Protein backbone atom coordinates (compact mmCIF):
# COMPACT_ATOMS: atom_id res chain seq x y z
CA UNK A 1 33.47 22.23 24.26
CA UNK A 2 32.87 25.95 24.39
CA UNK A 3 29.21 26.96 24.56
CA UNK A 4 28.34 30.63 24.20
CA UNK A 5 25.03 32.04 25.37
CA UNK A 6 23.74 34.37 22.66
CA UNK A 7 20.49 35.49 24.33
CA UNK A 8 21.91 38.86 25.33
CA UNK A 9 23.53 39.39 21.93
CA UNK A 10 20.26 38.97 20.04
CA UNK A 11 17.22 41.21 20.15
CA UNK A 12 15.91 40.69 23.69
CA UNK A 13 12.35 41.40 22.59
CA UNK A 14 12.34 38.11 20.69
CA UNK A 15 12.66 36.26 23.98
CA UNK A 16 9.31 37.70 25.08
CA UNK A 17 7.56 35.76 22.31
CA UNK A 18 9.69 32.66 21.80
CA UNK A 19 10.73 30.71 24.87
CA UNK A 20 12.23 27.75 22.98
CA UNK A 21 16.02 27.85 23.12
CA UNK A 22 18.26 26.19 20.54
CA UNK A 23 21.84 25.05 20.38
CA UNK A 24 23.81 25.90 17.24
CA UNK A 25 26.94 23.83 16.61
CA UNK A 26 29.52 25.21 14.16
CA UNK A 27 31.94 22.60 12.86
CA UNK A 28 34.20 21.27 10.13
CA UNK A 29 33.54 17.82 8.68
CA UNK A 30 36.39 15.64 7.41
CA UNK A 31 36.13 13.55 4.25
CA UNK A 32 34.28 10.25 4.11
CA UNK A 33 37.61 8.36 4.14
CA UNK A 34 38.67 9.96 7.42
CA UNK A 35 35.21 9.56 8.97
CA UNK A 36 35.33 5.88 8.05
CA UNK A 37 38.76 5.54 9.66
CA UNK A 38 37.48 7.17 12.87
CA UNK A 39 34.43 4.87 12.94
CA UNK A 40 36.76 1.85 12.63
CA UNK A 41 38.99 3.27 15.35
CA UNK A 42 35.95 3.66 17.63
CA UNK A 43 35.06 0.01 16.98
CA UNK A 44 38.56 -1.09 18.02
CA UNK A 45 38.28 0.92 21.23
CA UNK A 46 34.80 -0.48 21.82
CA UNK A 47 36.11 -4.04 21.55
CA UNK A 48 38.69 -3.30 24.25
CA UNK A 49 36.74 -1.27 26.82
CA UNK A 50 33.13 -0.94 25.63
CA UNK A 51 31.69 2.44 24.59
CA UNK A 52 28.31 4.01 25.14
CA UNK A 53 26.13 4.55 22.05
CA UNK A 54 26.83 8.28 21.97
CA UNK A 55 30.58 7.72 21.66
CA UNK A 56 30.25 4.77 19.33
CA UNK A 57 27.94 6.44 16.81
CA UNK A 58 28.80 10.15 17.05
CA UNK A 59 29.75 11.66 13.68
CA UNK A 60 33.47 12.57 13.48
CA UNK A 61 34.03 16.33 13.17
CA UNK A 62 36.11 19.28 14.35
CA UNK A 63 34.01 21.51 16.61
CA UNK A 64 34.60 25.26 16.43
CA UNK A 65 32.05 26.25 19.08
CA UNK A 66 28.42 26.00 20.17
CA UNK A 67 25.95 28.77 20.87
CA UNK A 68 22.69 28.77 22.79
CA UNK A 69 20.03 31.16 21.57
CA UNK A 70 16.36 31.73 21.11
CA UNK A 71 15.40 30.70 17.59
CA UNK A 72 16.77 33.59 15.57
CA UNK A 73 18.20 31.53 12.75
CA UNK A 74 18.32 34.48 10.32
CA UNK A 75 20.58 36.46 12.67
CA UNK A 76 22.88 33.47 13.25
CA UNK A 77 23.20 32.62 9.57
CA UNK A 78 23.69 36.22 8.41
CA UNK A 79 26.61 36.69 10.81
CA UNK A 80 27.98 33.27 9.92
CA UNK A 81 27.93 34.05 6.18
CA UNK A 82 29.52 37.47 6.65
CA UNK A 83 32.32 36.05 8.80
CA UNK A 84 33.31 33.50 6.15
CA UNK A 85 32.63 35.58 3.05
CA UNK A 86 36.27 35.77 1.90
CA UNK A 87 37.65 32.72 3.69
CA UNK A 88 39.72 30.34 1.60
CA UNK A 89 39.77 26.54 1.66
CA UNK A 90 42.78 24.94 3.32
CA UNK A 91 44.43 21.60 3.99
CA UNK A 92 44.05 19.95 7.42
CA UNK A 93 46.93 17.64 8.35
CA UNK A 94 46.33 14.84 10.87
CA UNK A 95 49.18 13.07 12.67
CA UNK A 96 48.87 10.67 15.58
CA UNK A 97 46.62 10.41 18.60
CA UNK A 98 46.30 12.75 21.58
CA UNK A 99 44.47 12.80 24.91
CA UNK A 100 42.53 15.53 26.67
CA UNK A 101 41.80 15.49 30.41
CA UNK A 102 38.31 16.20 31.79
CA UNK A 103 39.17 16.99 35.39
CA UNK A 104 40.84 14.15 37.27
CA UNK A 105 38.51 11.31 36.33
CA UNK A 106 38.02 11.26 32.53
CA UNK A 107 39.87 11.65 29.24
CA UNK A 108 39.00 12.08 25.58
CA UNK A 109 40.88 10.64 22.60
CA UNK A 110 41.45 12.74 19.48
CA UNK A 111 43.46 12.86 16.26
CA UNK A 112 46.14 15.56 16.36
CA UNK A 113 45.83 18.44 13.92
CA UNK A 114 49.36 19.40 12.84
CA UNK A 115 48.41 22.78 11.35
CA UNK A 116 45.68 24.30 13.56
CA UNK A 117 46.30 27.90 12.40
CA UNK A 118 43.73 28.04 9.53
CA UNK A 119 41.05 26.56 11.79
CA UNK A 120 41.89 29.00 14.59
CA UNK A 121 41.64 31.83 12.03
CA UNK A 122 38.10 30.71 11.07
CA UNK A 123 37.20 30.42 14.76
CA UNK A 124 38.40 33.98 15.47
CA UNK A 125 36.52 35.40 12.48
CA UNK A 126 33.30 33.77 13.69
CA UNK A 127 33.73 35.01 17.25
CA UNK A 128 34.33 38.52 15.97
CA UNK A 129 31.20 38.38 13.79
CA UNK A 130 29.07 37.36 16.79
CA UNK A 131 30.89 39.79 19.12
CA UNK A 132 31.86 36.95 21.43
CA UNK A 133 34.84 36.92 23.78
CA UNK A 134 37.73 34.81 22.60
CA UNK A 135 38.64 31.81 24.75
CA UNK A 136 41.61 29.42 24.53
CA UNK A 137 40.96 27.12 21.58
CA UNK A 138 42.87 24.15 20.17
CA UNK A 139 41.06 22.31 17.37
CA UNK A 140 40.88 18.52 17.55
CA UNK A 141 39.19 15.74 15.64
CA UNK A 142 37.57 13.86 18.52
CA UNK A 143 37.43 10.06 18.42
CA UNK A 144 35.76 9.36 21.80
CA UNK A 145 34.86 11.70 24.66
CA UNK A 146 34.96 11.62 28.45
CA UNK A 147 36.10 8.03 29.03
CA UNK A 148 36.63 7.10 32.69
CA UNK A 149 40.31 6.83 33.62
CA UNK A 150 39.71 3.30 34.91
CA UNK A 151 38.92 2.28 31.32
CA UNK A 152 41.39 4.61 29.63
CA UNK A 153 44.29 3.22 31.65
CA UNK A 154 43.77 -0.13 29.90
CA UNK A 155 44.31 1.29 26.41
CA UNK A 156 46.09 4.66 26.64
CA UNK A 157 49.60 3.28 26.13
CA UNK A 158 48.55 1.29 23.04
CA UNK A 159 46.63 4.24 21.61
CA UNK A 160 49.57 6.61 22.13
CA UNK A 161 51.56 4.42 19.70
CA UNK A 162 48.88 4.69 17.01
CA UNK A 163 50.65 6.00 13.94
CA UNK A 164 47.95 7.63 11.83
CA UNK A 165 48.71 10.23 9.15
CA UNK A 166 46.19 11.71 6.73
CA UNK A 167 44.91 15.03 5.41
CA UNK A 168 41.87 16.58 3.81
CA UNK A 169 40.89 19.90 2.28
CA UNK A 170 38.45 21.92 4.32
CA UNK A 171 36.08 23.32 1.69
CA UNK A 172 33.10 24.18 3.91
CA UNK A 173 32.01 25.02 7.44
CA UNK A 174 28.69 23.66 8.72
CA UNK A 175 26.00 24.95 11.09
CA UNK A 176 23.84 22.43 12.96
CA UNK A 177 20.83 23.22 15.14
CA UNK A 178 18.78 21.38 17.76
CA UNK A 179 16.21 22.40 20.38
CA UNK A 180 17.40 22.43 23.97
CA UNK A 181 15.11 20.09 25.90
CA UNK A 182 15.09 17.16 28.30
CA UNK A 183 15.20 14.51 25.57
CA UNK A 184 18.75 13.05 25.40
CA UNK A 185 17.96 11.61 21.94
CA UNK A 186 17.34 15.02 20.35
CA UNK A 187 19.43 15.19 17.17
CA UNK A 188 21.08 18.07 15.38
CA UNK A 189 19.77 19.14 11.97
CA UNK A 190 22.07 20.69 9.37
CA UNK A 191 20.76 24.17 8.50
CA UNK A 192 23.61 25.64 6.45
CA UNK A 193 27.01 24.98 4.89
CA UNK A 194 29.29 27.84 3.90
CA UNK A 195 31.50 26.94 0.95
CA UNK A 196 35.01 28.35 1.25
CA UNK A 197 36.70 30.02 -1.74
C-alpha cells in the first residue's frame, strides 16, 4: 500500500503546535453483497490455513492511497472535495482471483478488477490535488494480505480456479482517519464520503 507523507505539503507551522500525526486512508467500498462474499471467502481460507484476526475481520475495500499528516483535516478534506468535484460514478467489474507477492516470503489474495481505468483516473486526480508524485498503481479488492508462502502453497492452486464474477457501481469515495500510535488495535474512523455525480 502506498503511504504518502504530507507533513511537508501542509503548513509547517502547524507541526510546531500539534505533534500528533494521523493516517488518512482514501478508499472505495463495494456493495454489501460483495463485502459479504469476501467475508465468506475469508472464512473458507481460514478453515484451510488459519488467518490472523486482522485478515479475518478487515473490511473489504479498494485502497487508493494513504497519507500521513499532522491533524489538518480541513486541508485534507478541501483538497479531496475539489479533486472529485466533477467525477462521475462508474461500474467496477470483478472477475476471478489474483495474487500479489510481498518479497519472496509472502503473498496477498485479491479479486481482479477488469476495468481499472476509472479507479486509476480518480487516483490521479487525488494525487494531483495533493501535489503528490504519481507511483505505479493497480487497484485491487484485497481478500487477505501478506500470507506466508508456506501457507499459501497449500491453497494457491485451488484459489486460482475460483470463478467469481460480479460488479457494483462506485457512487462514493471515502476518507478514513486514525492516529498514528503504538496501539495495534487503533481503528480508523470515517470522516467524509464524497458522492460521485
